[in-house]
Amino acid sequence: MLQFWDEIRLDSDILILIGVLIITFFLIGFEVYGPLRIISGITVILFLPGYILQAALLPKNNEITSLKRVVLSIALSATVVPLVILILNYTPWGINVYSVMITLCIYTAVVCFIVIYRRRISFKKRCNPSIAFKMLRLQVLPKWQEKALLDRVFIVVLLLTAVFTGVCFHIFTAAHRSVPFSEFYMINNEGSTHGGFISSTNDGEMEVILGVVNHEHENAEYIIKVNINGNTQKAIGPFHLQDSEKLEEAVRFTPSLYQKLSKVEFILLKNSDQSVYRSIHFWVNNINNGWM
């Protein structure tokens, strides 16, 4: 039992970082915003990927100093995270906060197993897992006056880069959330946006499925107008959607029987504003009273 707790204590750094990763994952999943999410997000992006990678590459305690491990962790993180994002850009999931977090979780799990395995091999000379706590003790840090000028410049530049990256990350997340918008789209009967939108009904009308999603960060009121060749044929609404709420509804219309081409336009109005907020249009061809 004592040996088990000794093993847990010796790998406490990995457990702490995994805990930070789990906390960040839940904060993003439940859309919790605040200082805790910013701090944990910066740690996951700027420190965690590089730290576990350097721990896997340099498991022995005497291979590198604690200060150099921290510096190397930040530098490796700046290399690993862009590579992860680049790979995600060529996958069906794309680049978003959830795909990045899930990929980092998988990466962390795989590298952590490598870290634990390599630490067991070099058990007596493994790196000290409590460097995160030792770095908080001033006596383990080299005196600033004893460091060479080039080393001091390097450390200052690295710290400024880390601060600048963290500020940019915070500004990006804050700006991304502060931009309100609404989605307005058209789908087919299979729920896809890849063609086959229009279907005919038994009474000679045509039907499409329109969707509206509210991302305004507040409740919003919408009206959908159906225009045929510039003339309003019908209006849907007003209807209200809460933030992140979605509405998909089948809309019927009848193109002009007296024109070869009919322009069908769906106009989305928001919050009693009569100006066009979003619009979708297409042309319908009348061939022998049959629609194409």
Protein backbone atom coordinates (compact mmCIF):
# COMPACT_ATOMS: atom_id res chain seq x y z
CA MET A 1 0.00 0.00 0.00
CA LEU A 2 2.84 2.38 0.88
CA GLN A 3 4.56 1.57 -2.40
CA PHE A 4 1.35 2.45 -4.26
CA TRP A 5 1.14 5.88 -2.62
CA ASP A 6 4.83 6.44 -3.28
CA GLU A 7 4.22 5.79 -6.97
CA ILE A 8 1.29 8.23 -6.93
CA ARG A 9 3.44 10.89 -5.23
CA LEU A 10 6.29 10.42 -7.68
CA ASP A 11 3.92 10.99 -10.63
CA SER A 12 2.02 13.81 -8.94
CA ASP A 13 3.04 16.32 -11.63
CA ILE A 14 1.33 14.25 -14.33
CA LEU A 15 -1.79 13.83 -12.17
CA ILE A 16 -1.98 17.59 -11.53
CA LEU A 17 -1.71 18.43 -15.22
CA ILE A 18 -4.29 15.79 -16.13
CA GLY A 19 -6.57 17.35 -13.50
CA VAL A 20 -6.12 20.77 -15.09
CA LEU A 21 -6.93 19.27 -18.50
CA ILE A 22 -10.12 17.65 -17.17
CA ILE A 23 -11.22 20.89 -15.48
CA THR A 24 -10.64 22.82 -18.71
CA PHE A 25 -12.58 20.22 -20.70
CA PHE A 26 -15.61 20.55 -18.40
CA LEU A 27 -15.41 24.35 -18.36
CA ILE A 28 -15.53 24.38 -22.17
CA GLY A 29 -18.21 21.67 -22.36
CA PHE A 30 -20.55 23.53 -19.98
CA GLU A 31 -19.61 26.92 -21.50
CA VAL A 32 -18.37 28.37 -18.21
CA TYR A 33 -16.57 31.68 -18.74
CA GLY A 34 -14.34 33.49 -16.28
CA PRO A 35 -10.80 33.76 -14.89
CA LEU A 36 -10.60 30.03 -14.07
CA ARG A 37 -11.24 29.08 -17.70
CA ILE A 38 -8.65 31.60 -18.92
CA ILE A 39 -5.97 30.34 -16.51
CA SER A 40 -6.66 26.66 -17.19
CA GLY A 41 -6.88 27.26 -20.95
CA ILE A 42 -3.54 29.07 -21.04
CA THR A 43 -1.98 26.23 -19.03
CA VAL A 44 -3.37 23.58 -21.38
CA ILE A 45 -2.22 25.43 -24.50
CA LEU A 46 1.10 26.95 -23.43
CA PHE A 47 2.51 24.47 -20.90
CA LEU A 48 0.90 21.03 -20.67
CA PRO A 49 1.68 19.59 -24.18
CA GLY A 50 5.32 20.59 -23.98
CA TYR A 51 5.78 19.50 -20.36
CA ILE A 52 4.64 15.92 -20.84
CA LEU A 53 6.66 15.71 -24.07
CA GLN A 54 9.89 16.85 -22.38
CA ALA A 55 9.16 14.52 -19.46
CA ALA A 56 8.95 11.64 -21.93
CA LEU A 57 12.16 12.70 -23.71
CA LEU A 58 14.13 13.52 -20.53
CA PRO A 59 12.89 11.30 -17.69
CA LYS A 60 16.11 11.41 -15.61
CA ASN A 61 16.49 14.01 -12.90
CA ASN A 62 20.09 14.96 -13.73
CA GLU A 63 19.58 15.50 -17.46
CA ILE A 64 18.31 19.09 -17.26
CA THR A 65 17.64 21.73 -14.61
CA SER A 66 14.16 22.65 -13.42
CA LEU A 67 14.27 26.13 -14.98
CA LYS A 68 15.29 24.69 -18.33
CA ARG A 69 12.47 22.16 -18.11
CA VAL A 70 9.91 24.95 -17.71
CA VAL A 71 11.43 26.91 -20.60
CA LEU A 72 11.56 23.79 -22.77
CA SER A 73 7.93 22.96 -21.88
CA ILE A 74 6.72 26.34 -23.14
CA ALA A 75 8.83 26.09 -26.29
CA LEU A 76 7.62 22.56 -27.10
CA SER A 77 4.01 23.58 -26.45
CA ALA A 78 4.40 26.36 -29.01
CA THR A 79 5.46 23.64 -31.46
CA VAL A 80 3.01 20.85 -30.62
CA VAL A 81 -0.24 22.87 -30.54
CA PRO A 82 0.14 24.44 -34.03
CA LEU A 83 0.92 20.98 -35.43
CA VAL A 84 -2.25 19.60 -33.82
CA ILE A 85 -4.31 22.45 -35.30
CA LEU A 86 -2.70 21.97 -38.72
CA ILE A 87 -3.57 18.26 -38.70
CA LEU A 88 -7.15 18.99 -37.61
CA ASN A 89 -7.53 21.40 -40.52
CA TYR A 90 -7.33 18.41 -42.91
CA THR A 91 -9.81 16.23 -41.00
CA PRO A 92 -13.62 16.11 -41.26
CA TRP A 93 -13.92 17.59 -37.75
CA GLY A 94 -12.14 20.83 -38.67
CA ILE A 95 -10.73 23.36 -36.23
CA ASN A 96 -12.93 24.20 -33.26
CA VAL A 97 -12.53 24.29 -29.52
CA TYR A 98 -14.01 20.81 -29.03
CA SER A 99 -11.90 19.05 -31.66
CA VAL A 100 -8.74 20.72 -30.29
CA MET A 101 -9.54 19.72 -26.71
CA ILE A 102 -10.39 16.11 -27.62
CA THR A 103 -7.18 15.82 -29.66
CA LEU A 104 -5.11 17.25 -26.80
CA CYS A 105 -6.76 14.77 -24.41
CA ILE A 106 -5.80 11.86 -26.67
CA TYR A 107 -2.27 13.25 -27.09
CA THR A 108 -1.92 13.70 -23.32
CA ALA A 109 -3.11 10.17 -22.57
CA VAL A 110 -0.70 8.59 -25.04
CA VAL A 111 2.33 10.62 -23.97
CA CYS A 112 1.53 10.12 -20.26
CA PHE A 113 1.78 6.36 -20.71
CA ILE A 114 5.17 6.88 -22.35
CA VAL A 115 6.27 9.14 -19.48
CA ILE A 116 5.26 6.62 -16.82
CA TYR A 117 6.96 3.77 -18.72
CA ARG A 118 10.22 5.67 -19.19
CA ARG A 119 10.21 6.82 -15.58
CA ARG A 120 9.88 3.23 -14.42
CA ILE A 121 12.87 2.24 -16.55
CA SER A 122 15.05 4.98 -15.06
CA PHE A 123 13.46 4.75 -11.60
CA LYS A 124 16.43 5.95 -9.61
CA LYS A 125 17.32 8.80 -11.93
CA ARG A 126 13.94 9.94 -13.10
CA CYS A 127 13.18 13.65 -13.21
CA ASN A 128 11.83 15.11 -10.01
CA PRO A 129 8.05 15.41 -10.49
CA SER A 130 7.69 18.22 -7.97
CA ILE A 131 9.45 20.83 -10.09
CA ALA A 132 6.24 22.80 -10.32
CA PHE A 133 6.37 23.29 -6.56
CA LYS A 134 10.15 23.77 -6.43
CA MET A 135 9.93 26.58 -8.95
CA LEU A 136 7.84 28.47 -6.41
CA ARG A 137 10.75 28.39 -3.95
CA LEU A 138 13.16 31.20 -4.68
CA GLN A 139 16.17 29.35 -3.35
CA VAL A 140 16.11 26.84 -6.22
CA LEU A 141 16.21 29.58 -8.84
CA PRO A 142 19.62 30.73 -10.01
CA LYS A 143 20.49 34.27 -8.99
CA TRP A 144 19.64 36.76 -11.70
CA GLN A 145 23.00 38.51 -11.38
CA GLU A 146 24.89 35.23 -11.95
CA LYS A 147 23.25 34.56 -15.30
CA ALA A 148 24.89 35.58 -18.55
CA LEU A 149 23.47 38.55 -20.46
CA LEU A 150 22.30 36.36 -23.35
CA ASP A 151 20.47 34.04 -20.93
CA ARG A 152 18.74 36.99 -19.29
CA VAL A 153 17.63 38.37 -22.65
CA PHE A 154 16.35 34.94 -23.67
CA ILE A 155 14.31 34.53 -20.46
CA VAL A 156 12.77 38.01 -20.76
CA VAL A 157 11.84 37.45 -24.40
CA LEU A 158 10.33 34.06 -23.55
CA LEU A 159 8.25 35.51 -20.71
CA LEU A 160 7.03 38.37 -22.90
CA THR A 161 6.13 35.88 -25.64
CA ALA A 162 4.15 33.77 -23.18
CA VAL A 163 2.30 36.83 -21.84
CA PHE A 164 1.61 38.10 -25.37
CA THR A 165 0.29 34.69 -26.46
CA GLY A 166 -1.94 34.46 -23.40
CA VAL A 167 -3.35 37.95 -23.99
CA CYS A 168 -4.00 37.16 -27.67
CA PHE A 169 -5.73 33.92 -26.67
CA HIS A 170 -7.96 35.79 -24.22
CA ILE A 171 -8.77 38.52 -26.76
CA PHE A 172 -9.61 35.92 -29.41
CA THR A 173 -11.95 33.96 -27.14
CA ALA A 174 -13.60 37.13 -25.84
CA ALA A 175 -14.04 38.58 -29.32
CA HIS A 176 -15.35 35.29 -30.64
CA ARG A 177 -18.06 35.27 -28.01
CA SER A 178 -18.88 38.99 -28.29
CA VAL A 179 -19.84 38.86 -32.00
CA PRO A 180 -23.57 38.04 -32.18
CA PHE A 181 -25.09 36.51 -35.30
CA SER A 182 -27.92 34.29 -36.51
CA GLU A 183 -27.77 31.37 -38.92
CA PHE A 184 -30.24 31.21 -41.80
CA TYR A 185 -29.99 28.18 -44.08
CA MET A 186 -31.86 25.72 -46.27
CA ILE A 187 -31.65 21.93 -46.03
CA ASN A 188 -33.11 18.96 -47.87
CA ASN A 189 -35.33 16.21 -46.48
CA GLU A 190 -32.25 14.32 -45.27
CA GLY A 191 -31.04 17.27 -43.23
CA SER A 192 -28.12 17.97 -45.57
CA THR A 193 -27.08 21.26 -47.19
CA HIS A 194 -25.77 19.55 -50.34
CA GLY A 195 -28.52 19.95 -52.94
CA GLY A 196 -31.99 18.54 -53.41
CA PHE A 197 -33.66 21.32 -51.42
CA ILE A 198 -36.91 21.68 -53.37
CA SER A 199 -39.71 19.14 -53.33
CA SER A 200 -43.20 19.21 -54.85
CA THR A 201 -46.44 18.62 -52.96
CA ASN A 202 -49.61 16.90 -54.16
CA ASP A 203 -51.51 20.20 -54.46
CA GLY A 204 -48.98 21.72 -56.90
CA GLU A 205 -47.04 23.76 -54.40
CA MET A 206 -43.31 23.58 -53.79
CA GLU A 207 -41.67 23.03 -50.43
CA VAL A 208 -38.30 23.74 -48.85
CA ILE A 209 -37.01 23.38 -45.29
CA LEU A 210 -35.60 26.56 -43.72
CA GLY A 211 -33.56 26.75 -40.54
CA VAL A 212 -32.78 29.58 -38.12
CA VAL A 213 -30.29 29.36 -35.23
CA ASN A 214 -29.96 32.14 -32.66
CA HIS A 215 -26.37 33.01 -31.68
CA GLU A 216 -27.19 36.55 -30.54
CA HIS A 217 -26.42 35.81 -26.84
CA GLU A 218 -29.97 36.94 -26.06
CA ASN A 219 -33.55 36.17 -27.01
CA ALA A 220 -34.48 37.34 -30.50
CA GLU A 221 -37.63 37.72 -32.60
CA TYR A 222 -37.64 36.66 -36.26
CA ILE A 223 -39.89 36.93 -39.32
CA ILE A 224 -39.35 35.02 -42.57
CA LYS A 225 -40.82 36.55 -45.72
CA VAL A 226 -41.36 34.50 -48.89
CA ASN A 227 -40.98 36.68 -52.00
CA ILE A 228 -41.81 35.54 -55.53
CA ASN A 229 -40.37 37.86 -58.19
CA GLY A 230 -40.10 40.65 -55.64
CA ASN A 231 -43.66 40.29 -54.30
CA THR A 232 -44.30 38.96 -50.80
CA GLN A 233 -46.41 35.78 -51.01
CA LYS A 234 -46.46 34.94 -47.32
CA ALA A 235 -44.75 35.66 -44.01
CA ILE A 236 -43.82 33.24 -41.24
CA GLY A 237 -43.79 34.59 -37.73
CA PRO A 238 -43.00 36.50 -35.75
CA PHE A 239 -41.44 33.72 -33.67
CA HIS A 240 -39.03 33.90 -30.75
CA LEU A 241 -35.82 31.92 -30.21
CA GLN A 242 -33.70 31.83 -27.10
CA ASP A 243 -29.92 31.96 -27.30
CA SER A 244 -28.55 28.84 -29.10
CA GLU A 245 -32.10 27.69 -29.91
CA LYS A 246 -32.81 26.33 -33.41
CA LEU A 247 -35.95 26.23 -35.56
CA GLU A 248 -36.32 24.18 -38.75
CA GLU A 249 -39.62 24.37 -40.58
CA ALA A 250 -41.02 23.29 -43.96
CA VAL A 251 -42.19 26.29 -46.01
CA ARG A 252 -44.52 26.01 -49.01
CA PHE A 253 -44.74 28.46 -51.91
CA THR A 254 -46.18 28.69 -55.43
CA PRO A 255 -44.00 30.16 -58.22
CA SER A 256 -45.56 32.31 -60.92
CA LEU A 257 -47.43 30.36 -63.61
CA TYR A 258 -47.04 33.19 -66.13
CA GLN A 259 -43.29 33.58 -66.18
CA LYS A 260 -40.68 31.18 -67.47
CA LEU A 261 -38.31 32.00 -64.64
CA SER A 262 -39.39 32.82 -61.11
CA LYS A 263 -37.08 34.24 -58.51
CA VAL A 264 -37.85 32.73 -55.10
CA GLU A 265 -36.37 34.66 -52.18
CA PHE A 266 -36.57 33.98 -48.43
CA ILE A 267 -35.81 37.04 -46.28
CA LEU A 268 -35.04 36.87 -42.58
CA LEU A 269 -35.95 39.90 -40.44
CA LYS A 270 -34.78 40.27 -36.84
CA ASN A 271 -36.26 42.13 -33.87
CA SER A 272 -38.88 44.12 -35.81
CA ASP A 273 -36.19 45.62 -38.05
CA GLN A 274 -37.59 45.80 -41.59
CA SER A 275 -34.14 45.79 -43.21
CA VAL A 276 -32.93 42.49 -44.64
CA TYR A 277 -30.84 40.61 -42.06
CA ARG A 278 -30.26 37.39 -44.03
CA SER A 279 -31.60 36.16 -47.36
CA ILE A 280 -31.62 33.05 -49.56
CA HIS A 281 -32.76 33.02 -53.17
CA PHE A 282 -32.87 30.70 -56.16
CA TRP A 283 -34.56 30.55 -59.58
CA VAL A 284 -37.33 28.17 -60.61
CA ASN A 285 -37.84 27.29 -64.29
CA ASN A 286 -41.43 26.87 -65.56
CA ILE A 287 -41.50 24.31 -68.39
CA ASN A 288 -45.03 23.40 -69.54
CA ASN A 289 -46.36 24.23 -66.10
CA GLY A 290 -43.82 21.89 -64.60
CA TRP A 291 -41.21 23.20 -62.23
CA MET A 292 -37.50 22.60 -62.47
